Amino acid sequence: MKKLLLPALASLIVLAGCTSTKPITATSNELGPLVGTATAGYLFGFIPIPFNQDHGIARAAREGGITKISTVDEKTFNFPGIWRSTTTVVTGSN
């Protein structure tokens, strides 16, 4: 039984990562072909890597060359206790 505990625990840790995507907002603008993203990551859940992070809507729109925003989604990846990242995804046109 003890020999199975370590592999079972290691498997649980590897499979613990979770990704979720949720809508933030939508406008009346037509859905455009452009997509922009901005990502921020956190070591141990709270130490920002890199330290000058900006994962806001304005940056994501700039990165995609978007001036007319259609939708905004937020994608979160969480590996409990080790790594968490948040990505803002903006769609639209210019």
PDB file of N, CA and C in Angstrom:
ATOM      1  N   MET A   1       0.820  -1.193   0.000  1.00  0.00           N
ATOM      2  CA  MET A   1       0.000   0.000   0.000  1.00  0.00           C
ATOM      3  C   MET A   1       0.862   1.255   0.000  1.00  0.00           C
ATOM      4  N   LYS A   2       1.940   1.273   0.783  1.00  0.00           N
ATOM      5  CA  LYS A   2       2.813   2.443   0.850  1.00  0.00           C
ATOM      6  C   LYS A   2       3.502   2.702  -0.485  1.00  0.00           C
ATOM      7  N   LYS A   3       3.764   1.650  -1.250  1.00  0.00           N
ATOM      8  CA  LYS A   3       4.420   1.805  -2.540  1.00  0.00           C
ATOM      9  C   LYS A   3       3.507   2.513  -3.549  1.00  0.00           C
ATOM     10  N   LEU A   4       2.220   2.428  -3.364  1.00  0.00           N
ATOM     11  CA  LEU A   4       1.271   3.065  -4.277  1.00  0.00           C
ATOM     12  C   LEU A   4       0.982   4.514  -3.903  1.00  0.00           C
ATOM     13  N   LEU A   5       1.278   4.899  -2.681  1.00  0.00           N
ATOM     14  CA  LEU A   5       0.942   6.238  -2.210  1.00  0.00           C
ATOM     15  C   LEU A   5       1.697   7.326  -2.975  1.00  0.00           C
ATOM     16  N   LEU A   6       2.994   7.177  -3.150  1.00  0.00           N
ATOM     17  CA  LEU A   6       3.786   8.192  -3.841  1.00  0.00           C
ATOM     18  C   LEU A   6       3.375   8.356  -5.307  1.00  0.00           C
ATOM     19  N   PRO A   7       3.247   7.271  -6.092  1.00  0.00           N
ATOM     20  CA  PRO A   7       2.782   7.454  -7.475  1.00  0.00           C
ATOM     21  C   PRO A   7       1.370   8.046  -7.558  1.00  0.00           C
ATOM     22  N   ALA A   8       0.506   7.665  -6.655  1.00  0.00           N
ATOM     23  CA  ALA A   8      -0.855   8.212  -6.660  1.00  0.00           C
ATOM     24  C   ALA A   8      -0.829   9.703  -6.345  1.00  0.00           C
ATOM     25  N   LEU A   9      -0.008  10.108  -5.400  1.00  0.00           N
ATOM     26  CA  LEU A   9       0.112  11.511  -5.050  1.00  0.00           C
ATOM     27  C   LEU A   9       0.724  12.302  -6.204  1.00  0.00           C
ATOM     28  N   ALA A  10       1.741  11.757  -6.849  1.00  0.00           N
ATOM     29  CA  ALA A  10       2.361  12.423  -7.996  1.00  0.00           C
ATOM     30  C   ALA A  10       1.358  12.576  -9.135  1.00  0.00           C
ATOM     31  N   SER A  11       0.554  11.576  -9.394  1.00  0.00           N
ATOM     32  CA  SER A  11      -0.470  11.665 -10.444  1.00  0.00           C
ATOM     33  C   SER A  11      -1.502  12.727 -10.115  1.00  0.00           C
ATOM     34  N   LEU A  12      -1.888  12.816  -8.865  1.00  0.00           N
ATOM     35  CA  LEU A  12      -2.863  13.818  -8.450  1.00  0.00           C
ATOM     36  C   LEU A  12      -2.319  15.229  -8.653  1.00  0.00           C
ATOM     37  N   ILE A  13      -1.065  15.448  -8.334  1.00  0.00           N
ATOM     38  CA  ILE A  13      -0.453  16.765  -8.517  1.00  0.00           C
ATOM     39  C   ILE A  13      -0.385  17.124  -9.996  1.00  0.00           C
ATOM     40  N   VAL A  14       0.000  16.185 -10.846  1.00  0.00           N
ATOM     41  CA  VAL A  14       0.110  16.447 -12.281  1.00  0.00           C
ATOM     42  C   VAL A  14      -1.252  16.769 -12.884  1.00  0.00           C
ATOM     43  N   LEU A  15      -2.285  16.110 -12.434  1.00  0.00           N
ATOM     44  CA  LEU A  15      -3.616  16.301 -12.995  1.00  0.00           C
ATOM     45  C   LEU A  15      -4.397  17.438 -12.341  1.00  0.00           C
ATOM     46  N   ALA A  16      -3.799  18.125 -11.377  1.00  0.00           N
ATOM     47  CA  ALA A  16      -4.510  19.148 -10.618  1.00  0.00           C
ATOM     48  C   ALA A  16      -4.677  20.457 -11.380  1.00  0.00           C
ATOM     49  N   GLY A  17      -3.900  20.691 -12.442  1.00  0.00           N
ATOM     50  CA  GLY A  17      -4.010  21.929 -13.202  1.00  0.00           C
ATOM     51  C   GLY A  17      -5.389  22.074 -13.828  1.00  0.00           C
ATOM     52  N   CYS A  18      -5.880  23.295 -13.866  1.00  0.00           N
ATOM     53  CA  CYS A  18      -7.225  23.532 -14.372  1.00  0.00           C
ATOM     54  C   CYS A  18      -7.241  24.812 -15.200  1.00  0.00           C
ATOM     55  N   THR A  19      -7.931  24.789 -16.323  1.00  0.00           N
ATOM     56  CA  THR A  19      -8.093  25.979 -17.154  1.00  0.00           C
ATOM     57  C   THR A  19      -9.581  26.276 -17.293  1.00  0.00           C
ATOM     58  N   SER A  20      -9.923  27.551 -17.150  1.00  0.00           N
ATOM     59  CA  SER A  20     -11.314  27.946 -17.351  1.00  0.00           C
ATOM     60  C   SER A  20     -11.350  29.254 -18.137  1.00  0.00           C
ATOM     61  N   THR A  21     -12.397  29.411 -18.925  1.00  0.00           N
ATOM     62  CA  THR A  21     -12.598  30.628 -19.704  1.00  0.00           C
ATOM     63  C   THR A  21     -13.984  31.158 -19.388  1.00  0.00           C
ATOM     64  N   LYS A  22     -14.054  32.474 -19.130  1.00  0.00           N
ATOM     65  CA  LYS A  22     -15.363  33.062 -18.848  1.00  0.00           C
ATOM     66  C   LYS A  22     -15.514  34.366 -19.625  1.00  0.00           C
ATOM     67  N   PRO A  23     -16.727  34.656 -20.066  1.00  0.00           N
ATOM     68  CA  PRO A  23     -16.960  35.914 -20.771  1.00  0.00           C
ATOM     69  C   PRO A  23     -16.975  37.079 -19.784  1.00  0.00           C
ATOM     70  N   ILE A  24     -16.405  38.203 -20.195  1.00  0.00           N
ATOM     71  CA  ILE A  24     -16.401  39.401 -19.363  1.00  0.00           C
ATOM     72  C   ILE A  24     -17.434  40.391 -19.875  1.00  0.00           C
ATOM     73  N   THR A  25     -17.387  40.682 -21.172  1.00  0.00           N
ATOM     74  CA  THR A  25     -18.336  41.629 -21.749  1.00  0.00           C
ATOM     75  C   THR A  25     -18.448  41.424 -23.251  1.00  0.00           C
ATOM     76  N   ALA A  26     -19.490  42.007 -23.814  1.00  0.00           N
ATOM     77  CA  ALA A  26     -19.691  42.019 -25.267  1.00  0.00           C
ATOM     78  C   ALA A  26     -20.323  43.358 -25.624  1.00  0.00           C
ATOM     79  N   THR A  27     -20.048  43.823 -26.826  1.00  0.00           N
ATOM     80  CA  THR A  27     -20.614  45.099 -27.280  1.00  0.00           C
ATOM     81  C   THR A  27     -21.536  44.838 -28.465  1.00  0.00           C
ATOM     82  N   SER A  28     -22.135  45.887 -28.976  1.00  0.00           N
ATOM     83  CA  SER A  28     -23.010  45.741 -30.139  1.00  0.00           C
ATOM     84  C   SER A  28     -22.222  45.758 -31.455  1.00  0.00           C
ATOM     85  N   ASN A  29     -20.888  45.921 -31.364  1.00  0.00           N
ATOM     86  CA  ASN A  29     -20.055  45.889 -32.575  1.00  0.00           C
ATOM     87  C   ASN A  29     -20.067  44.489 -33.174  1.00  0.00           C
ATOM     88  N   GLU A  30     -19.953  44.424 -34.511  1.00  0.00           N
ATOM     89  CA  GLU A  30     -19.879  43.123 -35.182  1.00  0.00           C
ATOM     90  C   GLU A  30     -18.642  42.369 -34.735  1.00  0.00           C
ATOM     91  N   LEU A  31     -18.744  41.049 -34.704  1.00  0.00           N
ATOM     92  CA  LEU A  31     -17.593  40.223 -34.346  1.00  0.00           C
ATOM     93  C   LEU A  31     -16.550  40.352 -35.444  1.00  0.00           C
ATOM     94  N   GLY A  32     -15.398  40.881 -35.093  1.00  0.00           N
ATOM     95  CA  GLY A  32     -14.348  41.126 -36.075  1.00  0.00           C
ATOM     96  C   GLY A  32     -13.358  39.986 -36.166  1.00  0.00           C
ATOM     97  N   PRO A  33     -12.472  40.037 -37.154  1.00  0.00           N
ATOM     98  CA  PRO A  33     -11.514  38.967 -37.385  1.00  0.00           C
ATOM     99  C   PRO A  33     -10.264  39.047 -36.496  1.00  0.00           C
ATOM    100  N   LEU A  34     -10.072  40.168 -35.807  1.00  0.00           N
ATOM    101  CA  LEU A  34      -8.844  40.363 -35.036  1.00  0.00           C
ATOM    102  C   LEU A  34      -8.982  39.836 -33.606  1.00  0.00           C
ATOM    103  N   VAL A  35      -7.884  39.282 -33.092  1.00  0.00           N
ATOM    104  CA  VAL A  35      -7.845  38.785 -31.713  1.00  0.00           C
ATOM    105  C   VAL A  35      -6.578  39.311 -31.062  1.00  0.00           C
ATOM    106  N   GLY A  36      -6.717  39.861 -29.878  1.00  0.00           N
ATOM    107  CA  GLY A  36      -5.566  40.332 -29.110  1.00  0.00           C
ATOM    108  C   GLY A  36      -5.578  39.707 -27.727  1.00  0.00           C
ATOM    109  N   THR A  37      -4.394  39.403 -27.206  1.00  0.00           N
ATOM    110  CA  THR A  37      -4.310  38.804 -25.870  1.00  0.00           C
ATOM    111  C   THR A  37      -3.286  39.544 -25.017  1.00  0.00           C
ATOM    112  N   ALA A  38      -3.496  39.492 -23.721  1.00  0.00           N
ATOM    113  CA  ALA A  38      -2.548  40.025 -22.745  1.00  0.00           C
ATOM    114  C   ALA A  38      -2.545  39.065 -21.566  1.00  0.00           C
ATOM    115  N   THR A  39      -1.353  38.615 -21.146  1.00  0.00           N
ATOM    116  CA  THR A  39      -1.237  37.588 -20.113  1.00  0.00           C
ATOM    117  C   THR A  39      -0.401  38.060 -18.937  1.00  0.00           C
ATOM    118  N   ALA A  40      -0.811  37.625 -17.756  1.00  0.00           N
ATOM    119  CA  ALA A  40      -0.044  37.861 -16.530  1.00  0.00           C
ATOM    120  C   ALA A  40       0.065  36.534 -15.788  1.00  0.00           C
ATOM    121  N   GLY A  41       1.233  36.243 -15.248  1.00  0.00           N
ATOM    122  CA  GLY A  41       1.448  35.004 -14.506  1.00  0.00           C
ATOM    123  C   GLY A  41       1.880  35.283 -13.080  1.00  0.00           C
ATOM    124  N   TYR A  42       1.545  34.366 -12.190  1.00  0.00           N
ATOM    125  CA  TYR A  42       1.854  34.531 -10.770  1.00  0.00           C
ATOM    126  C   TYR A  42       2.460  33.242 -10.220  1.00  0.00           C
ATOM    127  N   LEU A  43       3.671  33.347  -9.691  1.00  0.00           N
ATOM    128  CA  LEU A  43       4.349  32.228  -9.055  1.00  0.00           C
ATOM    129  C   LEU A  43       3.828  32.107  -7.634  1.00  0.00           C
ATOM    130  N   PHE A  44       3.531  30.920  -7.201  1.00  0.00           N
ATOM    131  CA  PHE A  44       2.943  30.635  -5.888  1.00  0.00           C
ATOM    132  C   PHE A  44       1.624  31.373  -5.685  1.00  0.00           C
ATOM    133  N   GLY A  45       0.985  31.782  -6.779  1.00  0.00           N
ATOM    134  CA  GLY A  45      -0.315  32.409  -6.718  1.00  0.00           C
ATOM    135  C   GLY A  45      -0.336  33.900  -6.463  1.00  0.00           C
ATOM    136  N   PHE A  46       0.811  34.497  -6.096  1.00  0.00           N
ATOM    137  CA  PHE A  46       0.780  35.929  -5.786  1.00  0.00           C
ATOM    138  C   PHE A  46       2.025  36.708  -6.200  1.00  0.00           C
ATOM    139  N   ILE A  47       3.118  36.085  -6.575  1.00  0.00           N
ATOM    140  CA  ILE A  47       4.331  36.788  -7.010  1.00  0.00           C
ATOM    141  C   ILE A  47       4.246  36.976  -8.528  1.00  0.00           C
ATOM    142  N   PRO A  48       4.059  38.215  -8.996  1.00  0.00           N
ATOM    143  CA  PRO A  48       3.902  38.427 -10.437  1.00  0.00           C
ATOM    144  C   PRO A  48       5.192  38.184 -11.212  1.00  0.00           C
ATOM    145  N   ILE A  49       5.089  37.435 -12.297  1.00  0.00           N
ATOM    146  CA  ILE A  49       6.216  37.158 -13.179  1.00  0.00           C
ATOM    147  C   ILE A  49       5.790  37.500 -14.597  1.00  0.00           C
ATOM    148  N   PRO A  50       6.365  38.401 -15.352  1.00  0.00           N
ATOM    149  CA  PRO A  50       7.355  39.391 -14.930  1.00  0.00           C
ATOM    150  C   PRO A  50       6.686  40.436 -14.038  1.00  0.00           C
ATOM    151  N   PHE A  51       7.487  41.271 -13.421  1.00  0.00           N
ATOM    152  CA  PHE A  51       6.980  42.183 -12.406  1.00  0.00           C
ATOM    153  C   PHE A  51       6.175  43.350 -12.960  1.00  0.00           C
ATOM    154  N   ASN A  52       6.319  43.685 -14.232  1.00  0.00           N
ATOM    155  CA  ASN A  52       5.587  44.805 -14.827  1.00  0.00           C
ATOM    156  C   ASN A  52       4.424  44.305 -15.689  1.00  0.00           C
ATOM    157  N   GLN A  53       3.523  43.561 -15.082  1.00  0.00           N
ATOM    158  CA  GLN A  53       2.443  42.918 -15.822  1.00  0.00           C
ATOM    159  C   GLN A  53       1.279  43.852 -16.083  1.00  0.00           C
ATOM    160  N   ASP A  54       0.666  43.658 -17.204  1.00  0.00           N
ATOM    161  CA  ASP A  54      -0.567  44.351 -17.548  1.00  0.00           C
ATOM    162  C   ASP A  54      -1.374  43.390 -18.407  1.00  0.00           C
ATOM    163  N   HIS A  55      -2.421  42.836 -17.860  1.00  0.00           N
ATOM    164  CA  HIS A  55      -3.265  41.934 -18.648  1.00  0.00           C
ATOM    165  C   HIS A  55      -4.661  42.526 -18.822  1.00  0.00           C
ATOM    166  N   GLY A  56      -4.693  43.838 -18.994  1.00  0.00           N
ATOM    167  CA  GLY A  56      -5.958  44.545 -19.143  1.00  0.00           C
ATOM    168  C   GLY A  56      -6.514  44.512 -20.555  1.00  0.00           C
ATOM    169  N   ILE A  57      -7.729  44.998 -20.671  1.00  0.00           N
ATOM    170  CA  ILE A  57      -8.433  45.021 -21.942  1.00  0.00           C
ATOM    171  C   ILE A  57      -7.731  45.942 -22.941  1.00  0.00           C
ATOM    172  N   ALA A  58      -7.281  47.109 -22.468  1.00  0.00           N
ATOM    173  CA  ALA A  58      -6.623  48.067 -23.374  1.00  0.00           C
ATOM    174  C   ALA A  58      -5.360  47.473 -23.983  1.00  0.00           C
ATOM    175  N   ARG A  59      -4.565  46.777 -23.182  1.00  0.00           N
ATOM    176  CA  ARG A  59      -3.336  46.180 -23.715  1.00  0.00           C
ATOM    177  C   ARG A  59      -3.657  45.069 -24.706  1.00  0.00           C
ATOM    178  N   ALA A  60      -4.624  44.226 -24.384  1.00  0.00           N
ATOM    179  CA  ALA A  60      -4.998  43.135 -25.293  1.00  0.00           C
ATOM    180  C   ALA A  60      -5.492  43.699 -26.622  1.00  0.00           C
ATOM    181  N   ALA A  61      -6.276  44.781 -26.574  1.00  0.00           N
ATOM    182  CA  ALA A  61      -6.758  45.408 -27.804  1.00  0.00           C
ATOM    183  C   ALA A  61      -5.598  45.982 -28.609  1.00  0.00           C
ATOM    184  N   ARG A  62      -4.650  46.630 -27.933  1.00  0.00           N
ATOM    185  CA  ARG A  62      -3.458  47.177 -28.610  1.00  0.00           C
ATOM    186  C   ARG A  62      -2.663  46.065 -29.274  1.00  0.00           C
ATOM    187  N   GLU A  63      -2.469  44.962 -28.562  1.00  0.00           N
ATOM    188  CA  GLU A  63      -1.681  43.832 -29.086  1.00  0.00           C
ATOM    189  C   GLU A  63      -2.312  43.255 -30.349  1.00  0.00           C
ATOM    190  N   GLY A  64      -3.638  43.308 -30.451  1.00  0.00           N
ATOM    191  CA  GLY A  64      -4.323  42.762 -31.620  1.00  0.00           C
ATOM    192  C   GLY A  64      -4.646  43.796 -32.682  1.00  0.00           C
ATOM    193  N   GLY A  65      -4.276  45.068 -32.450  1.00  0.00           N
ATOM    194  CA  GLY A  65      -4.583  46.126 -33.402  1.00  0.00           C
ATOM    195  C   GLY A  65      -6.073  46.416 -33.481  1.00  0.00           C
ATOM    196  N   ILE A  66      -6.762  46.255 -32.368  1.00  0.00           N
ATOM    197  CA  ILE A  66      -8.220  46.393 -32.322  1.00  0.00           C
ATOM    198  C   ILE A  66      -8.609  47.785 -31.843  1.00  0.00           C
ATOM    199  N   THR A  67      -9.497  48.435 -32.584  1.00  0.00           N
ATOM    200  CA  THR A  67     -10.038  49.732 -32.156  1.00  0.00           C
ATOM    201  C   THR A  67     -11.530  49.640 -31.843  1.00  0.00           C
ATOM    202  N   LYS A  68     -12.216  48.656 -32.428  1.00  0.00           N
ATOM    203  CA  LYS A  68     -13.641  48.421 -32.138  1.00  0.00           C
ATOM    204  C   LYS A  68     -13.766  47.049 -31.480  1.00  0.00           C
ATOM    205  N   ILE A  69     -13.932  47.034 -30.175  1.00  0.00           N
ATOM    206  CA  ILE A  69     -13.992  45.786 -29.407  1.00  0.00           C
ATOM    207  C   ILE A  69     -15.370  45.144 -29.549  1.00  0.00           C
ATOM    208  N   SER A  70     -15.379  43.828 -29.804  1.00  0.00           N
ATOM    209  CA  SER A  70     -16.624  43.056 -29.891  1.00  0.00           C
ATOM    210  C   SER A  70     -16.875  42.272 -28.611  1.00  0.00           C
ATOM    211  N   THR A  71     -15.890  41.457 -28.210  1.00  0.00           N
ATOM    212  CA  THR A  71     -16.036  40.636 -27.005  1.00  0.00           C
ATOM    213  C   THR A  71     -14.758  40.663 -26.187  1.00  0.00           C
ATOM    214  N   VAL A  72     -14.908  40.393 -24.902  1.00  0.00           N
ATOM    215  CA  VAL A  72     -13.765  40.266 -23.994  1.00  0.00           C
ATOM    216  C   VAL A  72     -13.987  39.014 -23.147  1.00  0.00           C
ATOM    217  N   ASP A  73     -13.010  38.123 -23.155  1.00  0.00           N
ATOM    218  CA  ASP A  73     -13.052  36.908 -22.341  1.00  0.00           C
ATOM    219  C   ASP A  73     -11.827  36.890 -21.435  1.00  0.00           C
ATOM    220  N   GLU A  74     -11.942  36.149 -20.335  1.00  0.00           N
ATOM    221  CA  GLU A  74     -10.808  35.977 -19.426  1.00  0.00           C
ATOM    222  C   GLU A  74     -10.546  34.487 -19.273  1.00  0.00           C
ATOM    223  N   LYS A  75      -9.308  34.089 -19.576  1.00  0.00           N
ATOM    224  CA  LYS A  75      -8.902  32.689 -19.484  1.00  0.00           C
ATOM    225  C   LYS A  75      -7.940  32.557 -18.307  1.00  0.00           C
ATOM    226  N   THR A  76      -8.231  31.635 -17.411  1.00  0.00           N
ATOM    227  CA  THR A  76      -7.411  31.456 -16.220  1.00  0.00           C
ATOM    228  C   THR A  76      -6.880  30.030 -16.169  1.00  0.00           C
ATOM    229  N   PHE A  77      -5.583  29.902 -15.931  1.00  0.00           N
ATOM    230  CA  PHE A  77      -4.963  28.602 -15.708  1.00  0.00           C
ATOM    231  C   PHE A  77      -4.451  28.585 -14.278  1.00  0.00           C
ATOM    232  N   ASN A  78      -4.754  27.523 -13.557  1.00  0.00           N
ATOM    233  CA  ASN A  78      -4.345  27.432 -12.162  1.00  0.00           C
ATOM    234  C   ASN A  78      -3.742  26.071 -11.880  1.00  0.00           C
ATOM    235  N   PHE A  79      -2.522  26.079 -11.395  1.00  0.00           N
ATOM    236  CA  PHE A  79      -1.879  24.877 -10.880  1.00  0.00           C
ATOM    237  C   PHE A  79      -1.696  25.161  -9.388  1.00  0.00           C
ATOM    238  N   PRO A  80      -2.600  24.665  -8.546  1.00  0.00           N
ATOM    239  CA  PRO A  80      -2.715  25.091  -7.151  1.00  0.00           C
ATOM    240  C   PRO A  80      -1.382  25.167  -6.396  1.00  0.00           C
ATOM    241  N   GLY A  81      -1.160  26.343  -5.823  1.00  0.00           N
ATOM    242  CA  GLY A  81       0.008  26.557  -4.992  1.00  0.00           C
ATOM    243  C   GLY A  81       1.299  26.820  -5.735  1.00  0.00           C
ATOM    244  N   ILE A  82       1.324  26.628  -7.059  1.00  0.00           N
ATOM    245  CA  ILE A  82       2.571  26.777  -7.806  1.00  0.00           C
ATOM    246  C   ILE A  82       2.470  27.890  -8.852  1.00  0.00           C
ATOM    247  N   TRP A  83       1.477  27.829  -9.723  1.00  0.00           N
ATOM    248  CA  TRP A  83       1.413  28.769 -10.836  1.00  0.00           C
ATOM    249  C   TRP A  83      -0.033  29.122 -11.143  1.00  0.00           C
ATOM    250  N   ARG A  84      -0.261  30.404 -11.424  1.00  0.00           N
ATOM    251  CA  ARG A  84      -1.572  30.873 -11.867  1.00  0.00           C
ATOM    252  C   ARG A  84      -1.341  31.911 -12.943  1.00  0.00           C
ATOM    253  N   SER A  85      -2.069  31.820 -14.038  1.00  0.00           N
ATOM    254  CA  SER A  85      -1.960  32.837 -15.083  1.00  0.00           C
ATOM    255  C   SER A  85      -3.354  33.262 -15.533  1.00  0.00           C
ATOM    256  N   THR A  86      -3.444  34.528 -15.913  1.00  0.00           N
ATOM    257  CA  THR A  86      -4.692  35.093 -16.395  1.00  0.00           C
ATOM    258  C   THR A  86      -4.435  35.737 -17.750  1.00  0.00           C
ATOM    259  N   THR A  87      -5.244  35.393 -18.736  1.00  0.00           N
ATOM    260  CA  THR A  87      -5.117  35.947 -20.075  1.00  0.00           C
ATOM    261  C   THR A  87      -6.423  36.628 -20.455  1.00  0.00           C
ATOM    262  N   THR A  88      -6.319  37.889 -20.873  1.00  0.00           N
ATOM    263  CA  THR A  88      -7.479  38.609 -21.376  1.00  0.00           C
ATOM    264  C   THR A  88      -7.479  38.473 -22.899  1.00  0.00           C
ATOM    265  N   VAL A  89      -8.601  38.027 -23.451  1.00  0.00           N
ATOM    266  CA  VAL A  89      -8.732  37.799 -24.888  1.00  0.00           C
ATOM    267  C   VAL A  89      -9.789  38.775 -25.424  1.00  0.00           C
ATOM    268  N   VAL A  90      -9.371  39.628 -26.356  1.00  0.00           N
ATOM    269  CA  VAL A  90     -10.259  40.632 -26.942  1.00  0.00           C
ATOM    270  C   VAL A  90     -10.425  40.339 -28.424  1.00  0.00           C
ATOM    271  N   THR A  91     -11.662  40.360 -28.914  1.00  0.00           N
ATOM    272  CA  THR A  91     -11.920  40.214 -30.344  1.00  0.00           C
ATOM    273  C   THR A  91     -12.564  41.488 -30.865  1.00  0.00           C
ATOM    274  N   GLY A  92     -12.354  41.777 -32.142  1.00  0.00           N
ATOM    275  CA  GLY A  92     -12.936  42.970 -32.733  1.00  0.00           C
ATOM    276  C   GLY A  92     -12.342  43.282 -34.089  1.00  0.00           C
ATOM    277  N   SER A  93     -12.423  44.549 -34.453  1.00  0.00           N
ATOM    278  CA  SER A  93     -11.904  45.006 -35.743  1.00  0.00           C
ATOM    279  C   SER A  93     -11.264  46.371 -35.575  1.00  0.00           C
ATOM    280  N   ASN A  94     -10.690  46.892 -36.658  1.00  0.00           N
ATOM    281  CA  ASN A  94     -10.079  48.228 -36.574  1.00  0.00           C
ATOM    282  C   ASN A  94     -10.764  49.215 -37.471  1.00  0.00           C
TER     283      ASN A  94
END
